[in-house]
C-alpha atoms as a PDB file:
ATOM      1  CA  MET A   1       0.000   0.000   0.000  1.00  0.00           C
ATOM      2  CA  THR A   2       1.388   3.395  -0.999  1.00  0.00           C
ATOM      3  CA  LYS A   3       1.394   6.025   1.735  1.00  0.00           C
ATOM      4  CA  VAL A   4       0.205   9.471   0.703  1.00  0.00           C
ATOM      5  CA  SER A   5       0.916  12.512   2.837  1.00  0.00           C
ATOM      6  CA  LEU A   6      -2.057  14.301   4.370  1.00  0.00           C
ATOM      7  CA  PRO A   7      -1.649  17.467   2.234  1.00  0.00           C
ATOM      8  CA  VAL A   8      -1.487  15.393  -0.973  1.00  0.00           C
ATOM      9  CA  ALA A   9      -4.471  13.293   0.109  1.00  0.00           C
ATOM     10  CA  SER A  10      -6.405  16.484   0.893  1.00  0.00           C
ATOM     11  CA  MET A  11      -5.604  17.935  -2.531  1.00  0.00           C
ATOM     12  CA  ILE A  12      -6.728  14.703  -4.219  1.00  0.00           C
ATOM     13  CA  LEU A  13      -9.969  14.706  -2.226  1.00  0.00           C
ATOM     14  CA  ILE A  14     -10.665  18.372  -3.001  1.00  0.00           C
ATOM     15  CA  GLY A  15      -9.945  17.805  -6.697  1.00  0.00           C
ATOM     16  CA  THR A  16     -12.284  14.809  -6.763  1.00  0.00           C
ATOM     17  CA  ILE A  17     -15.058  16.783  -5.065  1.00  0.00           C
ATOM     18  CA  LEU A  18     -14.622  19.676  -7.486  1.00  0.00           C
ATOM     19  CA  MET A  19     -14.780  17.334 -10.486  1.00  0.00           C
ATOM     20  CA  MET A  20     -17.900  15.651  -9.128  1.00  0.00           C
ATOM     21  CA  ASN A  21     -19.583  18.989  -8.500  1.00  0.00           C
ATOM     22  CA  THR A  22     -19.273  20.271 -12.036  1.00  0.00           C
ATOM     23  CA  SER A  23     -22.128  22.706 -12.223  1.00  0.00           C
ATOM     24  CA  ILE A  24     -24.656  22.698 -15.006  1.00  0.00           C
ATOM     25  CA  ALA A  25     -24.435  26.472 -14.657  1.00  0.00           C
ATOM     26  CA  ASP A  26     -20.974  26.137 -16.252  1.00  0.00           C
ATOM     27  CA  VAL A  27     -22.662  25.493 -19.602  1.00  0.00           C
ATOM     28  CA  SER A  28     -23.223  28.670 -21.633  1.00  0.00           C
ATOM     29  CA  VAL A  29     -26.517  29.357 -23.370  1.00  0.00           C
ATOM     30  CA  ALA A  30     -24.811  28.929 -26.755  1.00  0.00           C
ATOM     31  CA  ARG A  31     -23.431  25.538 -25.687  1.00  0.00           C
ATOM     32  CA  GLN A  32     -26.854  24.525 -24.353  1.00  0.00           C
ATOM     33  CA  THR A  33     -28.289  25.161 -27.820  1.00  0.00           C
ATOM     34  CA  GLU A  34     -25.586  22.955 -29.348  1.00  0.00           C
ATOM     35  CA  LEU A  35     -26.263  20.231 -26.784  1.00  0.00           C
ATOM     36  CA  VAL A  36     -30.008  20.213 -27.469  1.00  0.00           C
ATOM     37  CA  TYR A  37     -29.227  19.845 -31.176  1.00  0.00           C
ATOM     38  CA  LEU A  38     -26.812  16.977 -30.414  1.00  0.00           C
ATOM     39  CA  LEU A  39     -29.419  15.336 -28.199  1.00  0.00           C
ATOM     40  CA  ARG A  40     -32.169  15.567 -30.795  1.00  0.00           C
ATOM     41  CA  GLN A  41     -30.033  14.589 -33.789  1.00  0.00           C
ATOM     42  CA  ASP A  42     -27.191  12.355 -32.626  1.00  0.00           C
ATOM     43  CA  CYS A  43     -28.790  10.744 -29.583  1.00  0.00           C
ATOM     44  CA  GLY A  44     -32.131  10.734 -31.392  1.00  0.00           C
ATOM     45  CA  SER A  45     -30.674   8.636 -34.195  1.00  0.00           C
ATOM     46  CA  CYS A  46     -30.601   5.679 -31.768  1.00  0.00           C
ATOM     47  CA  HIS A  47     -33.014   6.678 -29.015  1.00  0.00           C
ATOM     48  CA  GLY A  48     -35.669   7.948 -31.432  1.00  0.00           C
ATOM     49  CA  MET A  49     -36.121  11.496 -32.660  1.00  0.00           C
ATOM     50  CA  THR A  50     -38.633  12.100 -29.846  1.00  0.00           C
ATOM     51  CA  LEU A  51     -36.452  10.086 -27.425  1.00  0.00           C
ATOM     52  CA  ARG A  52     -39.219   7.485 -27.119  1.00  0.00           C
ATOM     53  CA  GLY A  53     -36.883   4.648 -28.053  1.00  0.00           C
ATOM     54  CA  GLY A  54     -35.417   3.001 -31.110  1.00  0.00           C
ATOM     55  CA  LEU A  55     -32.206   0.997 -31.248  1.00  0.00           C
ATOM     56  CA  GLY A  56     -31.526   2.441 -27.790  1.00  0.00           C
ATOM     57  CA  PRO A  57     -34.042   2.702 -24.956  1.00  0.00           C
ATOM     58  CA  ALA A  58     -36.429   5.612 -24.465  1.00  0.00           C
ATOM     59  CA  LEU A  59     -34.939   8.569 -22.595  1.00  0.00           C
ATOM     60  CA  LEU A  60     -38.118   9.928 -21.021  1.00  0.00           C
ATOM     61  CA  PRO A  61     -38.099  11.373 -17.481  1.00  0.00           C
ATOM     62  CA  GLU A  62     -40.576   8.805 -16.157  1.00  0.00           C
ATOM     63  CA  LEU A  63     -38.302   6.005 -17.385  1.00  0.00           C
ATOM     64  CA  LEU A  64     -35.186   7.541 -15.838  1.00  0.00           C
ATOM     65  CA  ILE A  65     -36.587   7.630 -12.293  1.00  0.00           C
ATOM     66  CA  GLY A  66     -34.116   5.961  -9.968  1.00  0.00           C
ATOM     67  CA  LYS A  67     -31.140   6.727 -12.191  1.00  0.00           C
ATOM     68  CA  SER A  68     -28.946   9.430 -10.702  1.00  0.00           C
ATOM     69  CA  GLU A  69     -27.671  12.377 -12.671  1.00  0.00           C
ATOM     70  CA  GLN A  70     -24.154  11.046 -11.995  1.00  0.00           C
ATOM     71  CA  PHE A  71     -25.058   7.642 -13.464  1.00  0.00           C
ATOM     72  CA  LEU A  72     -26.556   9.232 -16.580  1.00  0.00           C
ATOM     73  CA  SER A  73     -23.616  11.616 -16.974  1.00  0.00           C
ATOM     74  CA  THR A  74     -21.125   8.761 -16.687  1.00  0.00           C
ATOM     75  CA  THR A  75     -23.103   6.724 -19.210  1.00  0.00           C
ATOM     76  CA  ILE A  76     -23.011   9.650 -21.642  1.00  0.00           C
ATOM     77  CA  LEU A  77     -19.269  10.113 -21.235  1.00  0.00           C
ATOM     78  CA  GLU A  78     -18.169   6.471 -21.029  1.00  0.00           C
ATOM     79  CA  GLY A  79     -20.809   4.709 -23.116  1.00  0.00           C
ATOM     80  CA  ARG A  80     -22.103   1.212 -22.352  1.00  0.00           C
ATOM     81  CA  PRO A  81     -19.672  -1.590 -23.196  1.00  0.00           C
ATOM     82  CA  GLY A  82     -21.287  -4.413 -25.145  1.00  0.00           C
ATOM     83  CA  THR A  83     -24.021  -2.141 -26.492  1.00  0.00           C
ATOM     84  CA  ALA A  84     -24.362   0.373 -29.310  1.00  0.00           C
ATOM     85  CA  MET A  85     -24.017   3.257 -26.802  1.00  0.00           C
ATOM     86  CA  PRO A  86     -20.748   5.044 -27.629  1.00  0.00           C
ATOM     87  CA  ALA A  87     -18.580   7.054 -25.265  1.00  0.00           C
ATOM     88  CA  TRP A  88     -19.050  10.774 -25.918  1.00  0.00           C
ATOM     89  CA  LYS A  89     -16.081  11.914 -23.798  1.00  0.00           C
ATOM     90  CA  GLY A  90     -14.194  12.844 -26.946  1.00  0.00           C
ATOM     91  CA  MET A  91     -16.823  15.472 -27.796  1.00  0.00           C
ATOM     92  CA  LEU A  92     -18.337  16.350 -24.426  1.00  0.00           C
ATOM     93  CA  ASN A  93     -16.894  17.421 -21.105  1.00  0.00           C
ATOM     94  CA  LYS A  94     -18.282  16.667 -17.635  1.00  0.00           C
ATOM     95  CA  ALA A  95     -20.318  19.879 -17.485  1.00  0.00           C
ATOM     96  CA  ASP A  96     -21.904  19.061 -20.875  1.00  0.00           C
ATOM     97  CA  ALA A  97     -22.762  15.518 -19.756  1.00  0.00           C
ATOM     98  CA  SER A  98     -24.189  16.752 -16.443  1.00  0.00           C
ATOM     99  CA  TRP A  99     -26.295  19.336 -18.258  1.00  0.00           C
ATOM    100  CA  LEU A 100     -27.623  16.680 -20.664  1.00  0.00           C
ATOM    101  CA  ALA A 101     -28.383  14.288 -17.805  1.00  0.00           C
ATOM    102  CA  HIS A 102     -30.200  17.078 -15.959  1.00  0.00           C
ATOM    103  CA  GLN A 103     -32.278  17.864 -19.049  1.00  0.00           C
ATOM    104  CA  LEU A 104     -33.153  14.217 -19.673  1.00  0.00           C
ATOM    105  CA  GLN A 105     -34.398  13.829 -16.108  1.00  0.00           C
ATOM    106  CA  ARG A 106     -36.644  16.881 -16.457  1.00  0.00           C
ATOM    107  CA  GLY A 107     -37.771  16.368 -20.039  1.00  0.00           C
ATOM    108  CA  VAL A 108     -36.089  17.990 -22.980  1.00  0.00           C
ATOM    109  CA  GLN A 109     -37.834  21.149 -24.139  1.00  0.00           C
END
């Protein structure tokens, strides 16, 4: 087991907390518009243009109950191995994924 000094451990913990608490407020209005387009077009190509399902499952708020925003955000970024769900981390950052997850849970306008 590697020993880590208290200051280093504290910095790691603070960094982890900051990364986990990426605010959806960090997403500009212009980026939000781009993300809605991506959601409707790119995600919609598998999940259905109205997000009611297709190759991928429906992404409706009532079907996402019990799935945390963190779980959805991680799924967006990392994909789902063994399925057609790709990892979007090459195009999206954590704030983008959190914003998308938040929107999916509330219903995309």
